[in-house]
Amino acid sequence: MFDLKQLGRLRTIALATWHARQLQAELASTAALPEEVFREAQAARAKMLRVLEYHMGDVADVAADLEYIRSGAGYQDVASDLRMLADLYEDRRVRPRIEEDARG
């Protein structure tokens, strides 16, 4: 829910968000990784997605996050996908399920 007390700051917040997005787009357009590193990152992303889907695919908010992560592509998306996946692994609901898995 939006806090109406923040309405006066909306223009500043919107401009800051736009500026951050412009910087991100500029960096993304010049991003370059060695192909081997990119392949390793994609493989890690795929494995993390499989593990989280197996353990948490039936939890609505986690499933929505996983669907969003699956929609990404490219260097910038893989980096942010890995960050989001790492955050999910650390989630208090997720971590115990993964740690208790006998398949290790």
PDB file of N, CA and C in Angstrom:
ATOM      1  N   MET A   1       0.841  -1.171   0.000  1.00  0.00           N
ATOM      2  CA  MET A   1       0.000   0.000   0.000  1.00  0.00           C
ATOM      3  C   MET A   1       0.888   1.236   0.000  1.00  0.00           C
ATOM      4  N   PHE A   2       0.513   2.220  -0.754  1.00  0.00           N
ATOM      5  CA  PHE A   2       1.285   3.450  -0.863  1.00  0.00           C
ATOM      6  C   PHE A   2       0.957   4.376   0.295  1.00  0.00           C
ATOM      7  N   ASP A   3       1.989   4.902   0.934  1.00  0.00           N
ATOM      8  CA  ASP A   3       1.822   5.839   2.037  1.00  0.00           C
ATOM      9  C   ASP A   3       1.619   7.234   1.462  1.00  0.00           C
ATOM     10  N   LEU A   4       0.452   7.803   1.628  1.00  0.00           N
ATOM     11  CA  LEU A   4       0.145   9.110   1.050  1.00  0.00           C
ATOM     12  C   LEU A   4       1.039  10.216   1.597  1.00  0.00           C
ATOM     13  N   LYS A   5       1.652  10.006   2.750  1.00  0.00           N
ATOM     14  CA  LYS A   5       2.586  11.002   3.283  1.00  0.00           C
ATOM     15  C   LYS A   5       3.807  11.143   2.381  1.00  0.00           C
ATOM     16  N   GLN A   6       4.075  10.124   1.562  1.00  0.00           N
ATOM     17  CA  GLN A   6       5.229  10.136   0.664  1.00  0.00           C
ATOM     18  C   GLN A   6       4.921  10.797  -0.680  1.00  0.00           C
ATOM     19  N   LEU A   7       3.687  11.193  -0.887  1.00  0.00           N
ATOM     20  CA  LEU A   7       3.278  11.756  -2.164  1.00  0.00           C
ATOM     21  C   LEU A   7       4.126  12.963  -2.567  1.00  0.00           C
ATOM     22  N   GLY A   8       4.490  13.793  -1.621  1.00  0.00           N
ATOM     23  CA  GLY A   8       5.311  14.966  -1.911  1.00  0.00           C
ATOM     24  C   GLY A   8       6.698  14.595  -2.421  1.00  0.00           C
ATOM     25  N   ARG A   9       7.168  13.416  -2.087  1.00  0.00           N
ATOM     26  CA  ARG A   9       8.488  12.949  -2.514  1.00  0.00           C
ATOM     27  C   ARG A   9       8.439  12.158  -3.812  1.00  0.00           C
ATOM     28  N   LEU A  10       7.260  11.942  -4.360  1.00  0.00           N
ATOM     29  CA  LEU A  10       7.103  11.085  -5.520  1.00  0.00           C
ATOM     30  C   LEU A  10       7.949  11.530  -6.712  1.00  0.00           C
ATOM     31  N   ARG A  11       7.992  12.831  -6.998  1.00  0.00           N
ATOM     32  CA  ARG A  11       8.779  13.320  -8.129  1.00  0.00           C
ATOM     33  C   ARG A  11      10.254  12.998  -7.940  1.00  0.00           C
ATOM     34  N   THR A  12      10.783  13.236  -6.751  1.00  0.00           N
ATOM     35  CA  THR A  12      12.192  12.958  -6.463  1.00  0.00           C
ATOM     36  C   THR A  12      12.488  11.470  -6.581  1.00  0.00           C
ATOM     37  N   ILE A  13      11.603  10.652  -6.050  1.00  0.00           N
ATOM     38  CA  ILE A  13      11.784   9.201  -6.113  1.00  0.00           C
ATOM     39  C   ILE A  13      11.744   8.739  -7.569  1.00  0.00           C
ATOM     40  N   ALA A  14      10.812   9.253  -8.353  1.00  0.00           N
ATOM     41  CA  ALA A  14      10.700   8.874  -9.757  1.00  0.00           C
ATOM     42  C   ALA A  14      11.951   9.269 -10.532  1.00  0.00           C
ATOM     43  N   LEU A  15      12.461  10.467 -10.294  1.00  0.00           N
ATOM     44  CA  LEU A  15      13.678  10.909 -10.981  1.00  0.00           C
ATOM     45  C   LEU A  15      14.886  10.066 -10.582  1.00  0.00           C
ATOM     46  N   ALA A  16      14.994   9.746  -9.311  1.00  0.00           N
ATOM     47  CA  ALA A  16      16.108   8.913  -8.846  1.00  0.00           C
ATOM     48  C   ALA A  16      16.026   7.520  -9.468  1.00  0.00           C
ATOM     49  N   THR A  17      14.832   6.979  -9.544  1.00  0.00           N
ATOM     50  CA  THR A  17      14.632   5.663 -10.154  1.00  0.00           C
ATOM     51  C   THR A  17      14.988   5.705 -11.635  1.00  0.00           C
ATOM     52  N   TRP A  18      14.530   6.738 -12.331  1.00  0.00           N
ATOM     53  CA  TRP A  18      14.846   6.877 -13.752  1.00  0.00           C
ATOM     54  C   TRP A  18      16.354   6.976 -13.953  1.00  0.00           C
ATOM     55  N   HIS A  19      17.019   7.772 -13.123  1.00  0.00           N
ATOM     56  CA  HIS A  19      18.474   7.943 -13.247  1.00  0.00           C
ATOM     57  C   HIS A  19      19.201   6.609 -13.018  1.00  0.00           C
ATOM     58  N   ALA A  20      18.809   5.878 -11.993  1.00  0.00           N
ATOM     59  CA  ALA A  20      19.431   4.579 -11.714  1.00  0.00           C
ATOM     60  C   ALA A  20      19.227   3.626 -12.877  1.00  0.00           C
ATOM     61  N   ARG A  21      18.048   3.641 -13.470  1.00  0.00           N
ATOM     62  CA  ARG A  21      17.770   2.762 -14.613  1.00  0.00           C
ATOM     63  C   ARG A  21      18.617   3.147 -15.824  1.00  0.00           C
ATOM     64  N   GLN A  22      18.812   4.444 -16.038  1.00  0.00           N
ATOM     65  CA  GLN A  22      19.647   4.890 -17.153  1.00  0.00           C
ATOM     66  C   GLN A  22      21.085   4.422 -16.971  1.00  0.00           C
ATOM     67  N   LEU A  23      21.592   4.513 -15.749  1.00  0.00           N
ATOM     68  CA  LEU A  23      22.951   4.031 -15.473  1.00  0.00           C
ATOM     69  C   LEU A  23      23.048   2.527 -15.693  1.00  0.00           C
ATOM     70  N   GLN A  24      22.039   1.801 -15.248  1.00  0.00           N
ATOM     71  CA  GLN A  24      22.029   0.352 -15.425  1.00  0.00           C
ATOM     72  C   GLN A  24      22.009  -0.002 -16.912  1.00  0.00           C
ATOM     73  N   ALA A  25      21.206   0.685 -17.682  1.00  0.00           N
ATOM     74  CA  ALA A  25      21.121   0.415 -19.120  1.00  0.00           C
ATOM     75  C   ALA A  25      22.450   0.714 -19.802  1.00  0.00           C
ATOM     76  N   GLU A  26      23.100   1.779 -19.378  1.00  0.00           N
ATOM     77  CA  GLU A  26      24.402   2.132 -19.949  1.00  0.00           C
ATOM     78  C   GLU A  26      25.436   1.051 -19.647  1.00  0.00           C
ATOM     79  N   LEU A  27      25.454   0.584 -18.411  1.00  0.00           N
ATOM     80  CA  LEU A  27      26.388  -0.477 -18.044  1.00  0.00           C
ATOM     81  C   LEU A  27      26.071  -1.773 -18.767  1.00  0.00           C
ATOM     82  N   ALA A  28      24.802  -2.086 -18.892  1.00  0.00           N
ATOM     83  CA  ALA A  28      24.395  -3.336 -19.535  1.00  0.00           C
ATOM     84  C   ALA A  28      24.797  -3.353 -21.002  1.00  0.00           C
ATOM     85  N   SER A  29      24.777  -2.198 -21.637  1.00  0.00           N
ATOM     86  CA  SER A  29      25.095  -2.171 -23.061  1.00  0.00           C
ATOM     87  C   SER A  29      26.580  -2.388 -23.310  1.00  0.00           C
ATOM     88  N   THR A  30      27.417  -2.176 -22.297  1.00  0.00           N
ATOM     89  CA  THR A  30      28.865  -2.365 -22.474  1.00  0.00           C
ATOM     90  C   THR A  30      29.375  -3.589 -21.729  1.00  0.00           C
ATOM     91  N   ALA A  31      28.456  -4.342 -21.120  1.00  0.00           N
ATOM     92  CA  ALA A  31      28.865  -5.505 -20.340  1.00  0.00           C
ATOM     93  C   ALA A  31      29.434  -6.586 -21.250  1.00  0.00           C
ATOM     94  N   ALA A  32      30.522  -7.195 -20.800  1.00  0.00           N
ATOM     95  CA  ALA A  32      31.112  -8.302 -21.553  1.00  0.00           C
ATOM     96  C   ALA A  32      31.756  -9.259 -20.571  1.00  0.00           C
ATOM     97  N   LEU A  33      31.510 -10.517 -20.775  1.00  0.00           N
ATOM     98  CA  LEU A  33      32.088 -11.565 -19.943  1.00  0.00           C
ATOM     99  C   LEU A  33      32.752 -12.585 -20.852  1.00  0.00           C
ATOM    100  N   PRO A  34      33.792 -13.227 -20.343  1.00  0.00           N
ATOM    101  CA  PRO A  34      34.306 -14.360 -21.113  1.00  0.00           C
ATOM    102  C   PRO A  34      33.195 -15.405 -21.259  1.00  0.00           C
ATOM    103  N   GLU A  35      33.100 -16.028 -22.410  1.00  0.00           N
ATOM    104  CA  GLU A  35      32.028 -16.984 -22.686  1.00  0.00           C
ATOM    105  C   GLU A  35      31.974 -18.108 -21.649  1.00  0.00           C
ATOM    106  N   GLU A  36      33.130 -18.580 -21.209  1.00  0.00           N
ATOM    107  CA  GLU A  36      33.162 -19.660 -20.216  1.00  0.00           C
ATOM    108  C   GLU A  36      32.529 -19.223 -18.897  1.00  0.00           C
ATOM    109  N   VAL A  37      32.807 -18.012 -18.467  1.00  0.00           N
ATOM    110  CA  VAL A  37      32.228 -17.497 -17.220  1.00  0.00           C
ATOM    111  C   VAL A  37      30.715 -17.381 -17.363  1.00  0.00           C
ATOM    112  N   PHE A  38      30.265 -16.884 -18.511  1.00  0.00           N
ATOM    113  CA  PHE A  38      28.831 -16.750 -18.752  1.00  0.00           C
ATOM    114  C   PHE A  38      28.147 -18.115 -18.739  1.00  0.00           C
ATOM    115  N   ARG A  39      28.763 -19.118 -19.373  1.00  0.00           N
ATOM    116  CA  ARG A  39      28.189 -20.476 -19.373  1.00  0.00           C
ATOM    117  C   ARG A  39      28.112 -21.046 -17.959  1.00  0.00           C
ATOM    118  N   GLU A  40      29.170 -20.831 -17.158  1.00  0.00           N
ATOM    119  CA  GLU A  40      29.163 -21.305 -15.774  1.00  0.00           C
ATOM    120  C   GLU A  40      28.066 -20.613 -14.969  1.00  0.00           C
ATOM    121  N   ALA A  41      27.889 -19.333 -15.187  1.00  0.00           N
ATOM    122  CA  ALA A  41      26.838 -18.586 -14.489  1.00  0.00           C
ATOM    123  C   ALA A  41      25.461 -19.103 -14.879  1.00  0.00           C
ATOM    124  N   GLN A  42      25.272 -19.370 -16.169  1.00  0.00           N
ATOM    125  CA  GLN A  42      23.990 -19.911 -16.626  1.00  0.00           C
ATOM    126  C   GLN A  42      23.729 -21.298 -16.033  1.00  0.00           C
ATOM    127  N   ALA A  43      24.776 -22.114 -15.939  1.00  0.00           N
ATOM    128  CA  ALA A  43      24.620 -23.457 -15.368  1.00  0.00           C
ATOM    129  C   ALA A  43      24.264 -23.368 -13.885  1.00  0.00           C
ATOM    130  N   ALA A  44      24.916 -22.473 -13.158  1.00  0.00           N
ATOM    131  CA  ALA A  44      24.603 -22.287 -11.737  1.00  0.00           C
ATOM    132  C   ALA A  44      23.169 -21.800 -11.577  1.00  0.00           C
ATOM    133  N   ARG A  45      22.760 -20.863 -12.424  1.00  0.00           N
ATOM    134  CA  ARG A  45      21.397 -20.330 -12.389  1.00  0.00           C
ATOM    135  C   ARG A  45      20.391 -21.458 -12.619  1.00  0.00           C
ATOM    136  N   ALA A  46      20.636 -22.288 -13.624  1.00  0.00           N
ATOM    137  CA  ALA A  46      19.716 -23.389 -13.942  1.00  0.00           C
ATOM    138  C   ALA A  46      19.606 -24.372 -12.782  1.00  0.00           C
ATOM    139  N   LYS A  47      20.740 -24.715 -12.167  1.00  0.00           N
ATOM    140  CA  LYS A  47      20.726 -25.663 -11.052  1.00  0.00           C
ATOM    141  C   LYS A  47      19.992 -25.077  -9.850  1.00  0.00           C
ATOM    142  N   MET A  48      20.263 -23.810  -9.555  1.00  0.00           N
ATOM    143  CA  MET A  48      19.593 -23.171  -8.424  1.00  0.00           C
ATOM    144  C   MET A  48      18.089 -23.106  -8.659  1.00  0.00           C
ATOM    145  N   LEU A  49      17.683 -22.808  -9.884  1.00  0.00           N
ATOM    146  CA  LEU A  49      16.250 -22.791 -10.202  1.00  0.00           C
ATOM    147  C   LEU A  49      15.619 -24.164  -9.985  1.00  0.00           C
ATOM    148  N   ARG A  50      16.305 -25.227 -10.431  1.00  0.00           N
ATOM    149  CA  ARG A  50      15.769 -26.592 -10.253  1.00  0.00           C
ATOM    150  C   ARG A  50      15.608 -26.933  -8.771  1.00  0.00           C
ATOM    151  N   VAL A  51      16.628 -26.609  -7.976  1.00  0.00           N
ATOM    152  CA  VAL A  51      16.574 -26.918  -6.538  1.00  0.00           C
ATOM    153  C   VAL A  51      15.428 -26.162  -5.874  1.00  0.00           C
ATOM    154  N   LEU A  52      15.311 -24.887  -6.186  1.00  0.00           N
ATOM    155  CA  LEU A  52      14.246 -24.088  -5.565  1.00  0.00           C
ATOM    156  C   LEU A  52      12.869 -24.529  -6.049  1.00  0.00           C
ATOM    157  N   GLU A  53      12.753 -24.883  -7.307  1.00  0.00           N
ATOM    158  CA  GLU A  53      11.472 -25.373  -7.822  1.00  0.00           C
ATOM    159  C   GLU A  53      11.069 -26.668  -7.106  1.00  0.00           C
ATOM    160  N   TYR A  54      12.019 -27.558  -6.925  1.00  0.00           N
ATOM    161  CA  TYR A  54      11.761 -28.832  -6.253  1.00  0.00           C
ATOM    162  C   TYR A  54      11.286 -28.611  -4.814  1.00  0.00           C
ATOM    163  N   HIS A  55      11.985 -27.750  -4.090  1.00  0.00           N
ATOM    164  CA  HIS A  55      11.684 -27.564  -2.670  1.00  0.00           C
ATOM    165  C   HIS A  55      10.561 -26.562  -2.401  1.00  0.00           C
ATOM    166  N   MET A  56      10.428 -25.542  -3.252  1.00  0.00           N
ATOM    167  CA  MET A  56       9.526 -24.442  -2.916  1.00  0.00           C
ATOM    168  C   MET A  56       8.563 -24.067  -4.042  1.00  0.00           C
ATOM    169  N   GLY A  57       8.504 -24.861  -5.091  1.00  0.00           N
ATOM    170  CA  GLY A  57       7.655 -24.532  -6.232  1.00  0.00           C
ATOM    171  C   GLY A  57       6.179 -24.436  -5.904  1.00  0.00           C
ATOM    172  N   ASP A  58       5.776 -24.998  -4.769  1.00  0.00           N
ATOM    173  CA  ASP A  58       4.367 -24.958  -4.376  1.00  0.00           C
ATOM    174  C   ASP A  58       4.038 -23.770  -3.476  1.00  0.00           C
ATOM    175  N   VAL A  59       5.011 -22.917  -3.174  1.00  0.00           N
ATOM    176  CA  VAL A  59       4.788 -21.723  -2.345  1.00  0.00           C
ATOM    177  C   VAL A  59       4.590 -20.545  -3.299  1.00  0.00           C
ATOM    178  N   ALA A  60       3.419 -19.942  -3.264  1.00  0.00           N
ATOM    179  CA  ALA A  60       3.007 -18.973  -4.283  1.00  0.00           C
ATOM    180  C   ALA A  60       4.011 -17.843  -4.510  1.00  0.00           C
ATOM    181  N   ASP A  61       4.469 -17.187  -3.455  1.00  0.00           N
ATOM    182  CA  ASP A  61       5.359 -16.042  -3.666  1.00  0.00           C
ATOM    183  C   ASP A  61       6.721 -16.469  -4.190  1.00  0.00           C
ATOM    184  N   VAL A  62       7.202 -17.626  -3.751  1.00  0.00           N
ATOM    185  CA  VAL A  62       8.485 -18.134  -4.255  1.00  0.00           C
ATOM    186  C   VAL A  62       8.323 -18.555  -5.714  1.00  0.00           C
ATOM    187  N   ALA A  63       7.232 -19.213  -6.040  1.00  0.00           N
ATOM    188  CA  ALA A  63       6.970 -19.626  -7.422  1.00  0.00           C
ATOM    189  C   ALA A  63       6.913 -18.408  -8.339  1.00  0.00           C
ATOM    190  N   ALA A  64       6.315 -17.324  -7.866  1.00  0.00           N
ATOM    191  CA  ALA A  64       6.250 -16.093  -8.671  1.00  0.00           C
ATOM    192  C   ALA A  64       7.651 -15.526  -8.888  1.00  0.00           C
ATOM    193  N   ASP A  65       8.481 -15.541  -7.851  1.00  0.00           N
ATOM    194  CA  ASP A  65       9.863 -15.082  -7.995  1.00  0.00           C
ATOM    195  C   ASP A  65      10.621 -15.944  -8.994  1.00  0.00           C
ATOM    196  N   LEU A  66      10.434 -17.248  -8.921  1.00  0.00           N
ATOM    197  CA  LEU A  66      11.120 -18.151  -9.841  1.00  0.00           C
ATOM    198  C   LEU A  66      10.680 -17.905 -11.283  1.00  0.00           C
ATOM    199  N   GLU A  67       9.413 -17.654 -11.491  1.00  0.00           N
ATOM    200  CA  GLU A  67       8.908 -17.359 -12.835  1.00  0.00           C
ATOM    201  C   GLU A  67       9.526 -16.063 -13.362  1.00  0.00           C
ATOM    202  N   TYR A  68       9.624 -15.069 -12.509  1.00  0.00           N
ATOM    203  CA  TYR A  68      10.243 -13.801 -12.907  1.00  0.00           C
ATOM    204  C   TYR A  68      11.716 -14.024 -13.278  1.00  0.00           C
ATOM    205  N   ILE A  69      12.420 -14.794 -12.470  1.00  0.00           N
ATOM    206  CA  ILE A  69      13.839 -15.063 -12.726  1.00  0.00           C
ATOM    207  C   ILE A  69      14.005 -15.803 -14.055  1.00  0.00           C
ATOM    208  N   ARG A  70      13.135 -16.754 -14.333  1.00  0.00           N
ATOM    209  CA  ARG A  70      13.215 -17.514 -15.588  1.00  0.00           C
ATOM    210  C   ARG A  70      13.061 -16.622 -16.820  1.00  0.00           C
ATOM    211  N   SER A  71      12.395 -15.492 -16.672  1.00  0.00           N
ATOM    212  CA  SER A  71      12.122 -14.634 -17.830  1.00  0.00           C
ATOM    213  C   SER A  71      13.346 -13.832 -18.274  1.00  0.00           C
ATOM    214  N   GLY A  72      14.407 -13.797 -17.479  1.00  0.00           N
ATOM    215  CA  GLY A  72      15.581 -12.991 -17.810  1.00  0.00           C
ATOM    216  C   GLY A  72      16.505 -13.663 -18.807  1.00  0.00           C
ATOM    217  N   ALA A  73      17.318 -12.835 -19.463  1.00  0.00           N
ATOM    218  CA  ALA A  73      18.334 -13.325 -20.400  1.00  0.00           C
ATOM    219  C   ALA A  73      19.440 -12.280 -20.496  1.00  0.00           C
ATOM    220  N   GLY A  74      20.625 -12.705 -20.860  1.00  0.00           N
ATOM    221  CA  GLY A  74      21.729 -11.767 -21.039  1.00  0.00           C
ATOM    222  C   GLY A  74      22.603 -11.649 -19.810  1.00  0.00           C
ATOM    223  N   TYR A  75      23.727 -10.985 -19.969  1.00  0.00           N
ATOM    224  CA  TYR A  75      24.713 -10.856 -18.893  1.00  0.00           C
ATOM    225  C   TYR A  75      24.123 -10.193 -17.646  1.00  0.00           C
ATOM    226  N   GLN A  76      23.488  -9.048 -17.825  1.00  0.00           N
ATOM    227  CA  GLN A  76      22.955  -8.288 -16.689  1.00  0.00           C
ATOM    228  C   GLN A  76      21.895  -9.092 -15.958  1.00  0.00           C
ATOM    229  N   ASP A  77      21.014  -9.763 -16.708  1.00  0.00           N
ATOM    230  CA  ASP A  77      19.958 -10.558 -16.087  1.00  0.00           C
ATOM    231  C   ASP A  77      20.528 -11.742 -15.316  1.00  0.00           C
ATOM    232  N   VAL A  78      21.550 -12.400 -15.852  1.00  0.00           N
ATOM    233  CA  VAL A  78      22.135 -13.547 -15.148  1.00  0.00           C
ATOM    234  C   VAL A  78      22.716 -13.097 -13.817  1.00  0.00           C
ATOM    235  N   ALA A  79      23.384 -11.961 -13.804  1.00  0.00           N
ATOM    236  CA  ALA A  79      23.961 -11.451 -12.556  1.00  0.00           C
ATOM    237  C   ALA A  79      22.871 -11.159 -11.536  1.00  0.00           C
ATOM    238  N   SER A  80      21.815 -10.458 -11.935  1.00  0.00           N
ATOM    239  CA  SER A  80      20.755 -10.171 -10.973  1.00  0.00           C
ATOM    240  C   SER A  80      19.953 -11.404 -10.625  1.00  0.00           C
ATOM    241  N   ASP A  81      19.800 -12.341 -11.572  1.00  0.00           N
ATOM    242  CA  ASP A  81      19.119 -13.606 -11.275  1.00  0.00           C
ATOM    243  C   ASP A  81      19.868 -14.383 -10.192  1.00  0.00           C
ATOM    244  N   LEU A  82      21.191 -14.454 -10.316  1.00  0.00           N
ATOM    245  CA  LEU A  82      21.988 -15.174  -9.312  1.00  0.00           C
ATOM    246  C   LEU A  82      21.862 -14.509  -7.949  1.00  0.00           C
ATOM    247  N   ARG A  83      21.813 -13.194  -7.916  1.00  0.00           N
ATOM    248  CA  ARG A  83      21.643 -12.481  -6.647  1.00  0.00           C
ATOM    249  C   ARG A  83      20.277 -12.804  -6.045  1.00  0.00           C
ATOM    250  N   MET A  84      19.225 -12.782  -6.867  1.00  0.00           N
ATOM    251  CA  MET A  84      17.884 -13.097  -6.373  1.00  0.00           C
ATOM    252  C   MET A  84      17.798 -14.539  -5.891  1.00  0.00           C
ATOM    253  N   LEU A  85      18.421 -15.450  -6.638  1.00  0.00           N
ATOM    254  CA  LEU A  85      18.411 -16.857  -6.242  1.00  0.00           C
ATOM    255  C   LEU A  85      19.156 -17.057  -4.923  1.00  0.00           C
ATOM    256  N   ALA A  86      20.283 -16.389  -4.764  1.00  0.00           N
ATOM    257  CA  ALA A  86      21.034 -16.481  -3.504  1.00  0.00           C
ATOM    258  C   ALA A  86      20.190 -15.967  -2.349  1.00  0.00           C
ATOM    259  N   ASP A  87      19.465 -14.883  -2.578  1.00  0.00           N
ATOM    260  CA  ASP A  87      18.580 -14.359  -1.532  1.00  0.00           C
ATOM    261  C   ASP A  87      17.493 -15.375  -1.185  1.00  0.00           C
ATOM    262  N   LEU A  88      16.939 -16.051  -2.192  1.00  0.00           N
ATOM    263  CA  LEU A  88      15.927 -17.072  -1.926  1.00  0.00           C
ATOM    264  C   LEU A  88      16.514 -18.238  -1.130  1.00  0.00           C
ATOM    265  N   TYR A  89      17.731 -18.644  -1.468  1.00  0.00           N
ATOM    266  CA  TYR A  89      18.390 -19.728  -0.721  1.00  0.00           C
ATOM    267  C   TYR A  89      18.518 -19.371   0.759  1.00  0.00           C
ATOM    268  N   GLU A  90      18.710 -18.094   1.052  1.00  0.00           N
ATOM    269  CA  GLU A  90      18.878 -17.654   2.442  1.00  0.00           C
ATOM    270  C   GLU A  90      17.549 -17.397   3.161  1.00  0.00           C
ATOM    271  N   ASP A  91      16.453 -17.409   2.438  1.00  0.00           N
ATOM    272  CA  ASP A  91      15.133 -17.178   3.026  1.00  0.00           C
ATOM    273  C   ASP A  91      14.895 -18.185   4.152  1.00  0.00           C
ATOM    274  N   ARG A  92      14.351 -17.723   5.256  1.00  0.00           N
ATOM    275  CA  ARG A  92      14.147 -18.574   6.439  1.00  0.00           C
ATOM    276  C   ARG A  92      13.207 -19.744   6.181  1.00  0.00           C
ATOM    277  N   ARG A  93      12.375 -19.637   5.154  1.00  0.00           N
ATOM    278  CA  ARG A  93      11.478 -20.745   4.807  1.00  0.00           C
ATOM    279  C   ARG A  93      12.161 -21.754   3.900  1.00  0.00           C
ATOM    280  N   VAL A  94      13.125 -21.303   3.127  1.00  0.00           N
ATOM    281  CA  VAL A  94      13.751 -22.128   2.103  1.00  0.00           C
ATOM    282  C   VAL A  94      14.949 -22.896   2.627  1.00  0.00           C
ATOM    283  N   ARG A  95      15.829 -22.198   3.296  1.00  0.00           N
ATOM    284  CA  ARG A  95      17.111 -22.791   3.719  1.00  0.00           C
ATOM    285  C   ARG A  95      16.942 -24.112   4.474  1.00  0.00           C
ATOM    286  N   PRO A  96      16.048 -24.191   5.462  1.00  0.00           N
ATOM    287  CA  PRO A  96      15.906 -25.474   6.176  1.00  0.00           C
ATOM    288  C   PRO A  96      15.486 -26.629   5.268  1.00  0.00           C
ATOM    289  N   ARG A  97      14.627 -26.364   4.298  1.00  0.00           N
ATOM    290  CA  ARG A  97      14.186 -27.434   3.388  1.00  0.00           C
ATOM    291  C   ARG A  97      15.355 -27.958   2.559  1.00  0.00           C
ATOM    292  N   ILE A  98      16.210 -27.055   2.110  1.00  0.00           N
ATOM    293  CA  ILE A  98      17.356 -27.459   1.298  1.00  0.00           C
ATOM    294  C   ILE A  98      18.362 -28.212   2.166  1.00  0.00           C
ATOM    295  N   GLU A  99      18.629 -27.699   3.359  1.00  0.00           N
ATOM    296  CA  GLU A  99      19.608 -28.316   4.249  1.00  0.00           C
ATOM    297  C   GLU A  99      19.178 -29.698   4.714  1.00  0.00           C
ATOM    298  N   GLU A 100      17.869 -29.928   4.836  1.00  0.00           N
ATOM    299  CA  GLU A 100      17.356 -31.209   5.322  1.00  0.00           C
ATOM    300  C   GLU A 100      17.256 -32.264   4.223  1.00  0.00           C
ATOM    301  N   ASP A 101      17.496 -31.878   2.985  1.00  0.00           N
ATOM    302  CA  ASP A 101      17.386 -32.809   1.864  1.00  0.00           C
ATOM    303  C   ASP A 101      18.476 -33.860   1.951  1.00  0.00           C
ATOM    304  N   ALA A 102      18.096 -35.118   2.047  1.00  0.00           N
ATOM    305  CA  ALA A 102      19.051 -36.221   2.212  1.00  0.00           C
ATOM    306  C   ALA A 102      19.880 -36.450   0.943  1.00  0.00           C
ATOM    307  N   ARG A 103      19.398 -35.970  -0.193  1.00  0.00           N
ATOM    308  CA  ARG A 103      20.139 -36.165  -1.443  1.00  0.00           C
ATOM    309  C   ARG A 103      21.386 -35.296  -1.495  1.00  0.00           C
ATOM    310  N   GLY A 104      21.451 -34.240  -0.616  1.00  0.00           N
ATOM    311  CA  GLY A 104      22.616 -33.364  -0.483  1.00  0.00           C
ATOM    312  C   GLY A 104      22.976 -32.728  -1.726  1.00  0.00           C
TER     313      GLY A 104
END
